[in-house]
Amino acid sequence: MTAVLERTQWRPRKGLGQNFLVNEGIARRIVDAAGIAPHETVLEIGPGRGALTRWLCEKAARVVAVELDPVLARELRLSGPPSNLVVVEQDVLRTDLAALGNEFGVDRWHIAGNLPYVVGSRLLMRLVEQARVVERATVMLQYEVAERILAPAGSLTYGLLSVLLQATGSLRREFRVGAAAFRPAPKIQSLVFTWESNPAPDLDIPALVVTTKAAFNQRRKRLDNALKLLGVSADVIAEACRRAGIDPGNRAEQVSPSEFIRLSHACNELGAFPAETR
């Protein structure tokens, strides 16, 4: 594939965050960490030049690789791909995972990928929004962002994605990856982690997302001030906090994922979410 890309004078696009994994040892470790069963269909996000794809195809029954770049998608198809590889040329940020699952007979996706740095957080947000059709995701992201995601409540780096990923499942740190494992080499390091998606049956994920976004949008403010972004009265906010057992004087980073779940449930009961905010 490298020779084909060189012949077409293709170059990585900074706007797509194209820093490609070239270390085969790291690629194998990511696939091993993913714990793929032989019968599974795996969704690979952003296969790029196929560093992970080869090893995923060795482990899984089928690999559905979603690639935005048309040149890379075409070359993956033309470079003697394994028979169990399907390349889908589209933007995963706009992909309906339930609809894709219906197409390939998958109820809940097992996901792997080296997430592009420039859209990594947005991709994870999309996975949270579709958590009920995700079983687990083993992904690589820039180190600082991944550390924030793994951070516990009360820490300075605890934030929106920390809450949403921990409230809808569990997180496991895998291993750190240095810049030398990529071409072109980025100026930062990366971290591989796994998210086991397991949202409670009664969890209203859109309500959780809206509530948590409002709280962290002004994270230095007290909850009773920050939640005014929901467009509800101070009395409604106070009652929601009371029902959730949360001090309305707390700041967002002091509220645990389970407390955010209770808070979003209380806000929902009190009619805090008009349809246009969901």
Protein backbone atom coordinates (compact mmCIF):
# COMPACT_ATOMS: atom_id res chain seq x y z
CA MET A 1 0.00 0.00 0.00
CA THR A 2 2.88 2.38 0.76
CA ALA A 3 4.20 2.03 -2.77
CA VAL A 4 0.79 2.74 -4.26
CA LEU A 5 0.35 5.87 -2.15
CA GLU A 6 3.80 7.13 -3.08
CA ARG A 7 3.04 6.58 -6.75
CA THR A 8 -0.13 8.65 -6.47
CA GLN A 9 1.82 11.36 -4.57
CA TRP A 10 -0.67 11.16 -1.72
CA ARG A 11 0.27 13.08 1.43
CA PRO A 12 -1.22 13.01 4.96
CA ARG A 13 -3.83 15.71 5.56
CA LYS A 14 -3.32 17.71 8.74
CA GLY A 15 -6.98 18.69 8.75
CA LEU A 16 -7.91 15.01 9.23
CA GLY A 17 -5.31 14.39 11.93
CA GLN A 18 -3.54 11.80 9.81
CA ASN A 19 -0.63 10.54 11.92
CA PHE A 20 -0.32 6.90 10.92
CA LEU A 21 0.77 4.07 13.19
CA VAL A 22 3.76 2.29 11.65
CA ASN A 23 5.00 0.18 14.58
CA GLU A 24 3.72 -3.37 14.06
CA GLY A 25 4.46 -4.32 17.66
CA ILE A 26 2.17 -1.56 18.92
CA ALA A 27 -0.51 -2.54 16.41
CA ARG A 28 -0.44 -6.12 17.71
CA ARG A 29 -0.66 -4.93 21.31
CA ILE A 30 -3.74 -2.83 20.53
CA VAL A 31 -5.45 -5.78 18.87
CA ASP A 32 -4.51 -8.08 21.75
CA ALA A 33 -5.87 -5.52 24.26
CA ALA A 34 -9.15 -5.44 22.33
CA GLY A 35 -9.77 -9.09 23.19
CA ILE A 36 -11.45 -9.94 19.91
CA ALA A 37 -13.24 -13.29 19.67
CA PRO A 38 -12.96 -15.33 16.44
CA HIS A 39 -16.71 -15.08 15.74
CA GLU A 40 -16.94 -11.28 16.07
CA THR A 41 -17.46 -8.59 13.47
CA VAL A 42 -15.25 -5.64 14.41
CA LEU A 43 -15.69 -1.99 13.45
CA GLU A 44 -12.39 -0.23 12.78
CA ILE A 45 -12.56 3.56 12.94
CA GLY A 46 -10.15 5.27 10.54
CA PRO A 47 -8.03 2.38 9.22
CA GLY A 48 -5.75 4.83 7.42
CA ARG A 49 -2.89 2.85 5.87
CA GLY A 50 -4.03 -0.42 7.44
CA ALA A 51 -1.60 -0.83 10.35
CA LEU A 52 -4.27 -2.27 12.63
CA THR A 53 -6.43 -3.71 9.87
CA ARG A 54 -4.19 -6.66 9.07
CA TRP A 55 -4.06 -7.86 12.67
CA LEU A 56 -7.76 -7.26 13.23
CA CYS A 57 -8.54 -9.40 10.19
CA GLU A 58 -6.42 -12.21 11.63
CA LYS A 59 -8.43 -12.19 14.87
CA ALA A 60 -12.01 -11.41 13.82
CA ALA A 61 -14.53 -13.14 11.59
CA ARG A 62 -15.02 -9.87 9.73
CA VAL A 63 -13.70 -6.30 9.90
CA VAL A 64 -15.79 -3.33 8.78
CA ALA A 65 -13.33 -0.46 8.28
CA VAL A 66 -14.88 3.02 8.05
CA GLU A 67 -12.53 5.45 6.29
CA LEU A 68 -13.25 9.08 5.36
CA ASP A 69 -10.30 9.69 3.02
CA PRO A 70 -11.29 8.43 -0.46
CA VAL A 71 -7.70 7.74 -1.51
CA LEU A 72 -6.99 5.60 1.53
CA ALA A 73 -10.33 3.81 1.22
CA ARG A 74 -9.63 2.98 -2.44
CA GLU A 75 -6.11 1.76 -1.77
CA LEU A 76 -7.27 -0.45 1.10
CA ARG A 77 -9.62 -2.13 -1.34
CA LEU A 78 -6.95 -2.47 -4.06
CA SER A 79 -3.97 -3.57 -1.97
CA GLY A 80 -4.84 -7.26 -1.78
CA PRO A 81 -7.10 -6.97 1.26
CA PRO A 82 -8.06 -10.03 3.33
CA SER A 83 -11.30 -11.68 2.27
CA ASN A 84 -12.95 -10.77 5.59
CA LEU A 85 -12.36 -7.00 5.21
CA VAL A 86 -15.14 -4.62 4.15
CA VAL A 87 -14.13 -0.99 3.53
CA VAL A 88 -16.87 1.61 4.00
CA GLU A 89 -16.04 5.07 2.67
CA GLN A 90 -17.87 7.55 4.89
CA ASP A 91 -17.50 9.90 7.84
CA VAL A 92 -17.84 7.92 11.07
CA LEU A 93 -19.01 11.11 12.80
CA ARG A 94 -22.13 10.87 10.62
CA THR A 95 -22.47 7.10 10.80
CA ASP A 96 -25.58 5.58 12.38
CA LEU A 97 -24.09 2.55 14.13
CA ALA A 98 -27.48 0.89 14.54
CA ALA A 99 -28.15 1.14 10.81
CA LEU A 100 -24.63 -0.11 10.03
CA GLY A 101 -25.21 -2.97 12.43
CA ASN A 102 -28.42 -3.91 10.65
CA GLU A 103 -26.50 -4.03 7.38
CA PHE A 104 -23.87 -6.40 8.77
CA GLY A 105 -25.95 -8.36 11.28
CA VAL A 106 -24.39 -6.77 14.39
CA ASP A 107 -26.44 -5.86 17.45
CA ARG A 108 -23.62 -4.27 19.45
CA TRP A 109 -20.31 -3.26 17.93
CA HIS A 110 -16.83 -4.19 19.08
CA ILE A 111 -14.73 -1.19 18.02
CA ALA A 112 -11.01 -0.63 17.57
CA GLY A 113 -9.09 2.28 16.16
CA ASN A 114 -6.35 4.86 16.26
CA LEU A 115 -8.61 7.91 16.58
CA PRO A 116 -7.55 10.99 14.59
CA TYR A 117 -6.32 13.59 17.07
CA VAL A 118 -8.36 16.44 15.62
CA VAL A 119 -11.72 14.68 16.02
CA GLY A 120 -11.01 12.14 18.76
CA SER A 121 -13.20 13.81 21.39
CA ARG A 122 -16.07 14.27 18.93
CA LEU A 123 -15.83 10.61 17.94
CA LEU A 124 -16.05 9.51 21.56
CA MET A 125 -19.06 11.75 22.07
CA ARG A 126 -20.74 10.04 19.12
CA LEU A 127 -20.00 6.64 20.67
CA VAL A 128 -21.58 7.77 23.95
CA GLU A 129 -24.68 8.93 22.08
CA GLN A 130 -24.90 5.46 20.50
CA ALA A 131 -23.75 3.52 23.56
CA ARG A 132 -26.57 0.99 23.36
CA VAL A 133 -25.21 -0.39 20.09
CA VAL A 134 -21.59 -0.46 21.30
CA GLU A 135 -20.25 -3.38 23.31
CA ARG A 136 -16.72 -2.08 23.81
CA ALA A 137 -14.14 0.12 22.16
CA THR A 138 -10.36 -0.15 22.38
CA VAL A 139 -8.92 3.06 20.99
CA MET A 140 -5.79 5.19 20.95
CA LEU A 141 -5.98 8.92 21.60
CA GLN A 142 -3.57 11.71 22.48
CA TYR A 143 -2.21 11.14 25.96
CA GLU A 144 -3.51 14.30 27.63
CA VAL A 145 -7.07 13.81 26.36
CA ALA A 146 -7.10 10.14 27.38
CA GLU A 147 -5.83 11.05 30.86
CA ARG A 148 -8.70 13.51 31.25
CA ILE A 149 -11.17 10.83 30.21
CA LEU A 150 -9.78 8.39 32.79
CA ALA A 151 -9.68 11.01 35.57
CA PRO A 152 -11.84 10.50 38.69
CA ALA A 153 -14.33 13.01 40.08
CA GLY A 154 -12.68 15.72 42.13
CA SER A 155 -9.53 15.91 40.01
CA LEU A 156 -8.57 18.98 38.00
CA THR A 157 -8.67 17.05 34.71
CA TYR A 158 -12.08 15.44 35.27
CA GLY A 159 -14.48 16.70 32.62
CA LEU A 160 -17.37 16.11 30.24
CA LEU A 161 -16.08 12.93 28.57
CA SER A 162 -14.87 11.57 31.92
CA VAL A 163 -18.46 11.69 33.15
CA LEU A 164 -20.16 10.43 30.00
CA LEU A 165 -17.87 7.45 29.36
CA GLN A 166 -17.79 6.44 33.03
CA ALA A 167 -21.56 6.90 33.44
CA THR A 168 -22.33 4.68 30.45
CA GLY A 169 -19.73 1.99 31.11
CA SER A 170 -16.29 1.32 32.55
CA LEU A 171 -12.82 2.41 31.47
CA ARG A 172 -9.54 0.53 31.49
CA ARG A 173 -6.10 2.00 30.82
CA GLU A 174 -4.06 -0.18 28.47
CA PHE A 175 -0.66 1.34 27.61
CA ARG A 176 1.20 4.44 26.50
CA VAL A 177 2.55 4.91 22.96
CA GLY A 178 5.44 7.21 22.03
CA ALA A 179 5.54 9.58 19.07
CA ALA A 180 8.14 7.45 17.25
CA ALA A 181 5.45 4.83 16.55
CA PHE A 182 3.82 7.17 14.00
CA ARG A 183 4.53 8.74 10.62
CA PRO A 184 4.54 11.66 10.47
CA ALA A 185 5.57 11.71 14.12
CA PRO A 186 3.28 13.92 16.22
CA LYS A 187 4.62 16.24 18.90
CA ILE A 188 2.64 14.41 21.58
CA GLN A 189 2.32 10.92 23.00
CA SER A 190 -0.72 8.67 22.90
CA LEU A 191 -2.58 6.34 25.23
CA VAL A 192 -4.59 3.21 24.50
CA PHE A 193 -7.66 2.56 26.63
CA THR A 194 -10.78 0.39 26.55
CA TRP A 195 -14.35 1.47 27.20
CA GLU A 196 -16.81 -1.30 28.09
CA SER A 197 -20.20 0.14 27.22
CA ASN A 198 -22.94 -0.89 29.64
CA PRO A 199 -25.54 1.88 30.10
CA ALA A 200 -28.33 1.13 32.56
CA PRO A 201 -31.60 0.21 30.83
CA ASP A 202 -33.38 3.23 32.33
CA LEU A 203 -30.62 5.74 31.59
CA ASP A 204 -31.75 8.56 29.32
CA ILE A 205 -28.46 9.20 27.50
CA PRO A 206 -29.54 12.44 25.74
CA ALA A 207 -30.67 13.86 29.09
CA LEU A 208 -27.35 12.89 30.66
CA VAL A 209 -25.42 14.55 27.82
CA VAL A 210 -27.41 17.80 28.01
CA THR A 211 -27.14 18.03 31.80
CA THR A 212 -23.41 17.29 31.89
CA LYS A 213 -22.63 19.70 29.05
CA ALA A 214 -24.45 22.49 30.89
CA ALA A 215 -22.57 21.79 34.12
CA PHE A 216 -19.14 21.75 32.50
CA ASN A 217 -19.76 24.62 30.12
CA GLN A 218 -19.03 26.91 33.06
CA ARG A 219 -17.13 24.50 35.26
CA ARG A 220 -15.93 27.11 37.74
CA LYS A 221 -19.51 28.06 38.57
CA ARG A 222 -21.73 26.37 41.14
CA LEU A 223 -24.21 23.86 39.75
CA ASP A 224 -27.15 26.09 40.60
CA ASN A 225 -25.66 28.76 38.34
CA ALA A 226 -24.22 26.56 35.59
CA LEU A 227 -27.47 24.64 35.09
CA LYS A 228 -29.30 27.85 34.23
CA LEU A 229 -28.12 27.09 30.68
CA LEU A 230 -30.92 24.51 30.61
CA GLY A 231 -33.33 27.44 30.55
CA VAL A 232 -35.17 26.44 33.72
CA SER A 233 -35.89 28.32 36.93
CA ALA A 234 -33.74 28.34 40.03
CA ASP A 235 -36.51 26.47 41.83
CA VAL A 236 -36.40 23.61 39.30
CA ILE A 237 -32.60 23.40 39.59
CA ALA A 238 -32.80 23.37 43.38
CA GLU A 239 -35.43 20.63 43.35
CA ALA A 240 -33.43 18.54 40.85
CA CYS A 241 -30.34 18.77 43.05
CA ARG A 242 -32.41 17.86 46.11
CA ARG A 243 -33.86 14.78 44.40
CA ALA A 244 -30.38 13.75 43.22
CA GLY A 245 -28.87 14.25 46.68
CA ILE A 246 -26.34 16.79 45.40
CA ASP A 247 -25.26 20.06 46.99
CA PRO A 248 -26.24 22.77 44.46
CA GLY A 249 -23.18 24.71 45.61
CA ASN A 250 -20.86 22.05 44.20
CA ARG A 251 -18.95 22.60 40.97
CA ALA A 252 -19.16 20.14 38.10
CA GLU A 253 -15.79 18.49 38.85
CA GLN A 254 -17.07 17.59 42.34
CA VAL A 255 -20.02 15.60 40.99
CA SER A 256 -19.48 11.89 40.33
CA PRO A 257 -20.79 10.07 37.22
CA SER A 258 -23.47 8.32 39.30
CA GLU A 259 -24.57 11.68 40.72
CA PHE A 260 -24.80 13.14 37.21
CA ILE A 261 -27.03 10.20 36.28
CA ARG A 262 -29.34 10.97 39.20
CA LEU A 263 -29.26 14.69 38.40
CA SER A 264 -30.17 14.16 34.74
CA HIS A 265 -32.97 11.81 35.78
CA ALA A 266 -34.34 14.42 38.20
CA CYS A 267 -34.08 17.18 35.58
CA ASN A 268 -35.93 14.95 33.14
CA GLU A 269 -38.71 14.27 35.64
CA LEU A 270 -39.08 18.01 36.19
CA GLY A 271 -39.43 18.73 32.48
CA ALA A 272 -36.09 20.52 32.10
CA PHE A 273 -35.46 19.27 28.56
CA PRO A 274 -37.55 20.79 25.77
CA ALA A 275 -37.33 18.75 22.58
CA GLU A 276 -35.05 21.24 20.81
CA THR A 277 -32.28 20.78 23.43
CA ARG A 278 -32.11 16.98 23.07
